[in-house]
Amino acid sequence: MTDSPVASSGIAAADRYLAEGFRAVPGMSSQFAAAIVCGLMRIQTDLGVSGHVAEIGTFQGRFFIALAHALAPGERALGIDRFDWPSPAVLDRFEENCRSYGVEPDRRITWKADSANLSPEEVIMRLGGRVRLFHIDGEHTRPALTRDLDLATATLGPGGLIVLDDMLHAGYPMLMVAVHEYLERHPEMTVLCVIDRESLTAASKFVLCEQAWFKRYEAVLLEDYKSHIWPMGANFEPHWCLVFALDTSLPAVE
């Protein structure tokens, strides 16, 4: 893949949506993060990882549509949301945005539900198989993130990824506690990379993977997104992981 100052996923349909439609869909998701995450889906496909995509907290579909365009043939995207904020009209807007930006009904499933009430078995049954990438952007509280992480983990297939929204956000400092507690409960999982913020609202994301897949993903990311790697990386004690950023510069030290 040819890198560029603005990251691309390497998937034509996803990159077209990111360039032409992403900013037109209301939401606070980062275009830069969407490109990296869709790029990870391309890497998954190249590595032979298959499965579906699920998202908790679709809102009007800004990030969901990008993920749906990164699917391989035969895969589907599941959008889970209560669709009650700021009004019930958000459900119709989500459906219209999916139609307008080319996510056909046979590629997506809309599920009006509270993720707190769902079981892994229900998610797998609804999709007809396991999940290869689960994006969590639901209720931003420590208990809710804990529940959503457990739900996502139990639905993953081999090589699956979990993407966490609004990490290191000034408004939600307790989310980091939930992540650290989760990693202590699940030593088989680790942080694969951090995707830096575009702004306070388009905040950082963490990508989690199984320890056994860390080096395989990291090797490809180092090559495909080398111009977006922040040199210092992230210290998750005891391991370090990549940080991707639009601005990778460091201050001069004299």
Protein backbone atom coordinates (compact mmCIF):
# COMPACT_ATOMS: atom_id res chain seq x y z
CA MET A 1 0.00 0.00 0.00
CA THR A 2 1.24 3.51 -0.80
CA ASP A 3 1.22 5.71 2.29
CA SER A 4 0.20 9.37 2.15
CA PRO A 5 0.09 12.43 4.45
CA VAL A 6 -3.58 11.61 5.07
CA ALA A 7 -3.95 7.93 5.95
CA SER A 8 -5.85 5.60 3.64
CA SER A 9 -7.18 2.13 4.27
CA GLY A 10 -6.08 0.62 0.97
CA ILE A 11 -9.67 -0.45 0.27
CA ALA A 12 -11.16 1.55 -2.60
CA ALA A 13 -14.77 1.64 -1.39
CA ALA A 14 -13.80 2.62 2.15
CA ASP A 15 -11.37 5.31 0.99
CA ARG A 16 -13.95 6.77 -1.37
CA TYR A 17 -16.45 7.07 1.47
CA LEU A 18 -13.82 8.56 3.79
CA ALA A 19 -12.94 11.19 1.19
CA GLU A 20 -16.43 12.01 -0.05
CA GLY A 21 -18.98 11.13 2.63
CA PHE A 22 -17.47 10.70 6.08
CA ARG A 23 -17.59 14.35 7.14
CA ALA A 24 -21.13 14.71 5.80
CA VAL A 25 -22.51 12.14 8.25
CA PRO A 26 -23.06 13.70 11.69
CA GLY A 27 -20.88 12.29 14.44
CA MET A 28 -17.66 12.76 16.37
CA SER A 29 -15.57 9.89 14.99
CA SER A 30 -12.11 10.56 13.61
CA GLN A 31 -11.54 10.19 9.87
CA PHE A 32 -7.91 9.33 10.56
CA ALA A 33 -8.90 6.55 12.97
CA ALA A 34 -11.45 5.20 10.50
CA ALA A 35 -8.76 4.92 7.83
CA ILE A 36 -6.40 3.03 10.15
CA VAL A 37 -9.14 0.69 11.42
CA CYS A 38 -10.35 -0.07 7.88
CA GLY A 39 -6.71 -0.65 6.99
CA LEU A 40 -6.56 -3.19 9.80
CA MET A 41 -9.54 -4.95 8.24
CA ARG A 42 -7.61 -5.12 4.95
CA ILE A 43 -4.66 -6.57 6.85
CA GLN A 44 -6.97 -9.11 8.49
CA THR A 45 -8.25 -10.23 5.09
CA ASP A 46 -4.69 -10.55 3.79
CA LEU A 47 -3.78 -12.65 6.84
CA GLY A 48 -6.76 -14.95 6.29
CA VAL A 49 -8.83 -13.60 9.19
CA SER A 50 -12.53 -13.64 8.30
CA GLY A 51 -15.78 -12.93 10.10
CA HIS A 52 -18.25 -10.13 10.62
CA VAL A 53 -18.12 -6.63 12.09
CA ALA A 54 -20.12 -5.38 15.06
CA GLU A 55 -20.44 -1.91 16.51
CA ILE A 56 -22.02 -0.73 19.75
CA GLY A 57 -23.12 2.89 19.45
CA THR A 58 -23.72 3.49 15.75
CA PHE A 59 -25.50 6.86 16.16
CA GLN A 60 -26.05 8.08 12.57
CA GLY A 61 -23.56 5.66 11.05
CA ARG A 62 -20.43 7.73 10.38
CA PHE A 63 -17.91 5.06 11.52
CA PHE A 64 -20.20 2.10 10.83
CA ILE A 65 -20.43 2.90 7.12
CA ALA A 66 -16.63 2.96 6.82
CA LEU A 67 -16.38 -0.46 8.48
CA ALA A 68 -19.10 -1.87 6.24
CA HIS A 69 -17.17 -0.78 3.14
CA ALA A 70 -14.12 -2.68 4.40
CA LEU A 71 -15.93 -6.02 4.62
CA ALA A 72 -14.91 -8.95 2.45
CA PRO A 73 -17.54 -10.71 0.30
CA GLY A 74 -20.06 -12.65 2.36
CA GLU A 75 -19.42 -10.68 5.56
CA ARG A 76 -21.92 -8.38 7.29
CA ALA A 77 -21.90 -5.42 9.66
CA LEU A 78 -24.09 -5.33 12.77
CA GLY A 79 -25.02 -1.95 14.25
CA ILE A 80 -26.25 -2.03 17.86
CA ASP A 81 -27.78 1.09 19.38
CA ARG A 82 -30.75 2.10 21.50
CA PHE A 83 -31.46 4.73 18.79
CA ASP A 84 -33.12 7.05 21.29
CA TRP A 85 -30.63 9.95 21.45
CA PRO A 86 -31.10 12.78 20.80
CA SER A 87 -34.48 11.53 19.57
CA PRO A 88 -35.97 8.35 18.06
CA ALA A 89 -35.50 9.98 14.62
CA VAL A 90 -31.83 8.93 14.79
CA LEU A 91 -32.81 5.44 13.63
CA ASP A 92 -34.27 6.76 10.37
CA ARG A 93 -31.20 8.95 9.86
CA PHE A 94 -28.91 5.97 10.36
CA GLU A 95 -30.83 3.93 7.78
CA GLU A 96 -30.86 6.81 5.30
CA ASN A 97 -27.12 7.43 5.68
CA CYS A 98 -26.40 3.75 5.06
CA ARG A 99 -28.51 3.83 1.90
CA SER A 100 -27.03 7.13 0.70
CA TYR A 101 -23.44 5.94 1.07
CA GLY A 102 -23.80 2.52 -0.48
CA VAL A 103 -24.20 0.06 2.41
CA GLU A 104 -26.86 -2.23 1.01
CA PRO A 105 -29.40 -3.99 3.29
CA ASP A 106 -27.88 -7.41 2.62
CA ARG A 107 -24.53 -6.21 4.03
CA ARG A 108 -25.84 -4.76 7.29
CA ILE A 109 -28.06 -5.55 10.27
CA THR A 110 -29.64 -2.82 12.38
CA TRP A 111 -30.35 -3.90 15.94
CA LYS A 112 -32.29 -1.52 18.19
CA ALA A 113 -31.17 -2.79 21.58
CA ASP A 114 -29.26 -1.97 24.74
CA SER A 115 -25.97 -3.86 24.62
CA ALA A 116 -26.25 -4.46 28.38
CA ASN A 117 -29.09 -6.86 27.66
CA LEU A 118 -27.38 -8.88 24.92
CA SER A 119 -25.52 -12.16 25.19
CA PRO A 120 -22.58 -13.25 23.02
CA GLU A 121 -24.71 -16.11 21.70
CA GLU A 122 -27.38 -13.66 20.50
CA VAL A 123 -24.80 -11.54 18.67
CA ILE A 124 -23.23 -14.57 16.97
CA MET A 125 -26.64 -15.95 16.02
CA ARG A 126 -27.79 -12.60 14.63
CA LEU A 127 -24.73 -12.38 12.40
CA GLY A 128 -24.56 -16.06 11.54
CA GLY A 129 -20.96 -16.34 12.69
CA ARG A 130 -18.22 -14.85 14.81
CA VAL A 131 -16.89 -11.29 14.77
CA ARG A 132 -13.49 -10.30 13.40
CA LEU A 133 -13.70 -6.64 14.46
CA PHE A 134 -15.84 -5.19 17.26
CA HIS A 135 -16.02 -1.40 17.64
CA ILE A 136 -17.19 -0.19 21.06
CA ASP A 137 -18.57 3.35 21.25
CA GLY A 138 -21.45 2.85 23.68
CA GLU A 139 -22.23 4.29 27.09
CA HIS A 140 -19.07 5.98 28.34
CA THR A 141 -19.03 4.68 31.91
CA ARG A 142 -16.72 2.20 33.59
CA PRO A 143 -19.45 -0.45 34.24
CA ALA A 144 -20.85 -0.16 30.69
CA LEU A 145 -17.44 -0.45 29.03
CA THR A 146 -16.66 -3.45 31.23
CA ARG A 147 -19.86 -5.18 30.05
CA ASP A 148 -19.28 -4.27 26.41
CA LEU A 149 -15.69 -5.52 26.51
CA ASP A 150 -16.81 -8.86 27.92
CA LEU A 151 -19.53 -9.11 25.27
CA ALA A 152 -17.13 -8.31 22.44
CA THR A 153 -14.43 -10.69 23.65
CA ALA A 154 -16.84 -13.62 23.79
CA THR A 155 -17.92 -13.05 20.16
CA LEU A 156 -14.45 -12.82 18.57
CA GLY A 157 -13.05 -15.38 16.20
CA PRO A 158 -9.31 -16.15 15.86
CA GLY A 159 -7.34 -13.01 15.02
CA GLY A 160 -10.24 -10.78 16.07
CA LEU A 161 -9.79 -7.13 17.06
CA ILE A 162 -11.61 -4.89 19.53
CA VAL A 163 -11.54 -1.14 18.89
CA LEU A 164 -12.29 1.18 21.82
CA ASP A 165 -13.47 4.74 21.26
CA ASP A 166 -12.76 7.86 23.32
CA MET A 167 -9.75 6.54 25.16
CA LEU A 168 -7.70 9.15 27.06
CA HIS A 169 -10.62 11.57 26.67
CA ALA A 170 -10.68 14.35 29.27
CA GLY A 171 -14.40 13.85 29.76
CA TYR A 172 -14.25 10.11 30.49
CA PRO A 173 -11.14 9.39 32.61
CA MET A 174 -12.60 6.27 34.25
CA LEU A 175 -12.72 4.38 30.95
CA MET A 176 -9.00 3.71 31.30
CA VAL A 177 -9.65 1.97 34.62
CA ALA A 178 -12.08 -0.40 32.89
CA VAL A 179 -9.48 -1.16 30.20
CA HIS A 180 -6.72 -1.95 32.70
CA GLU A 181 -9.05 -4.15 34.73
CA TYR A 182 -10.06 -5.95 31.55
CA LEU A 183 -6.44 -6.62 30.56
CA GLU A 184 -5.78 -8.05 34.02
CA ARG A 185 -8.76 -10.39 33.64
CA HIS A 186 -7.79 -11.34 30.08
CA PRO A 187 -4.02 -11.88 29.94
CA GLU A 188 -4.48 -13.43 26.50
CA MET A 189 -5.38 -9.94 25.19
CA THR A 190 -3.14 -6.91 24.69
CA VAL A 191 -3.16 -3.40 23.22
CA LEU A 192 -2.05 -3.63 19.60
CA CYS A 193 -1.90 0.10 18.92
CA VAL A 194 -3.14 3.55 19.87
CA ILE A 195 -4.66 5.84 17.24
CA ASP A 196 -4.12 9.43 18.29
CA ARG A 197 -6.85 12.05 18.47
CA GLU A 198 -7.72 14.54 15.76
CA SER A 199 -9.40 16.79 18.34
CA LEU A 200 -10.91 16.57 21.82
CA THR A 201 -14.16 15.23 20.34
CA ALA A 202 -12.50 12.94 17.78
CA ALA A 203 -10.51 11.30 20.54
CA SER A 204 -7.98 8.47 20.66
CA LYS A 205 -8.80 4.83 20.05
CA PHE A 206 -7.18 1.69 21.40
CA VAL A 207 -7.07 -1.47 19.30
CA LEU A 208 -6.90 -4.75 21.24
CA CYS A 209 -5.86 -8.14 19.92
CA GLU A 210 -4.87 -11.57 21.16
CA GLN A 211 -1.26 -11.78 22.33
CA ALA A 212 -0.65 -14.53 19.79
CA TRP A 213 -1.53 -12.17 16.92
CA PHE A 214 0.34 -9.08 18.13
CA LYS A 215 3.56 -9.53 16.16
CA ARG A 216 1.76 -10.53 12.96
CA TYR A 217 -0.31 -7.37 12.97
CA GLU A 218 2.52 -5.16 14.16
CA ALA A 219 4.85 -6.27 11.35
CA VAL A 220 2.37 -5.20 8.66
CA LEU A 221 1.39 -1.97 10.42
CA LEU A 222 5.05 -0.95 10.70
CA GLU A 223 5.35 -1.17 6.93
CA ASP A 224 1.95 0.06 5.79
CA TYR A 225 1.66 3.09 8.09
CA LYS A 226 5.29 3.96 8.74
CA SER A 227 4.81 7.68 8.00
CA HIS A 228 2.12 7.87 10.70
CA ILE A 229 4.07 6.21 13.52
CA TRP A 230 4.79 8.47 16.49
CA PRO A 231 8.42 7.64 17.42
CA MET A 232 8.00 7.25 21.18
CA GLY A 233 5.23 4.64 21.09
CA ALA A 234 3.01 3.81 24.06
CA ASN A 235 4.26 2.12 27.21
CA PHE A 236 1.59 -0.24 28.54
CA GLU A 237 3.94 -1.80 31.11
CA PRO A 238 5.44 -4.21 30.36
CA HIS A 239 4.92 -3.99 26.60
CA TRP A 240 5.20 -1.14 24.12
CA CYS A 241 2.87 -0.64 21.19
CA LEU A 242 2.62 1.58 18.14
CA VAL A 243 0.99 5.01 18.22
CA PHE A 244 -0.43 6.35 14.97
CA ALA A 245 -0.80 10.11 14.58
CA LEU A 246 -1.30 12.76 11.94
CA ASP A 247 1.49 14.79 13.56
CA THR A 248 4.41 12.50 14.44
CA SER A 249 6.87 15.26 15.30
CA LEU A 250 8.70 15.52 18.60
CA PRO A 251 9.80 18.77 20.26
CA ALA A 252 13.42 19.74 19.84
CA VAL A 253 15.50 19.05 22.94
CA GLU A 254 18.70 21.02 23.50
